[in-house]
Amino acid sequence: MTPTEVLDVHYAAYGASDLEGLVATLSDDFVCAAFHGREWARGKSGASAMYEATIRDYPLSLTRIEARSNLGDVVAMREYSESSTGKPAVDMIAIYTVGRGQITRADMVRGAAVEGGETLAQRQLDAYNRQDLDAHVACFADDIVVADLNAGESLHGIDAYRDRYAA
């Protein structure tokens, strides 16, 4: 199965409240974590407990998939979920990595963790389009790491990032 097909099966099980079917889409060494943060679940047993609560509190019937994009073995989905139990709504980006026909990792970016992110992203893009390097670079953390997807060397730190674009 392609990564997109694996995610289709995963979400179909989620939508049917089929915890066993959902966990079957995960690898034995599955990890779910906050993006660049702490682990929320490891392995199928940890994932089972986590997804049991997710299915109960945030059923797929109250979840909108806002956007979906895939590149190779990675599928990213923007989701907005309302709660059936009175918990706050969740706006997140789920970044799934698929290997050998199963989901091996899920990294989650919650809206609360990136509050104002759309404004910051717009400010960064506007500065880039104006070719205002100082305003553009000011949108990034000093310890930024930029992976070069063209197989070049990754950039480490704001100075390296600035140097790349100053040229």
Foldseek 3Di string as FASTA:
>chain_A
DALVVLVVQLVVCLQVVNLVSNLVQADQQAWEEAAVGDTQAGGSVRVSVVSNVCSQFWGCVQKDFPDWDDDHQKIKTWMWTHTPVPDHIWTKIWIFGDDPRHTRYIYIHTCVNCPCVVVLVVQLVVCVVVVPLVSNLVSDDQQDWADDPVPDDIAGGSVSVSVVSVD
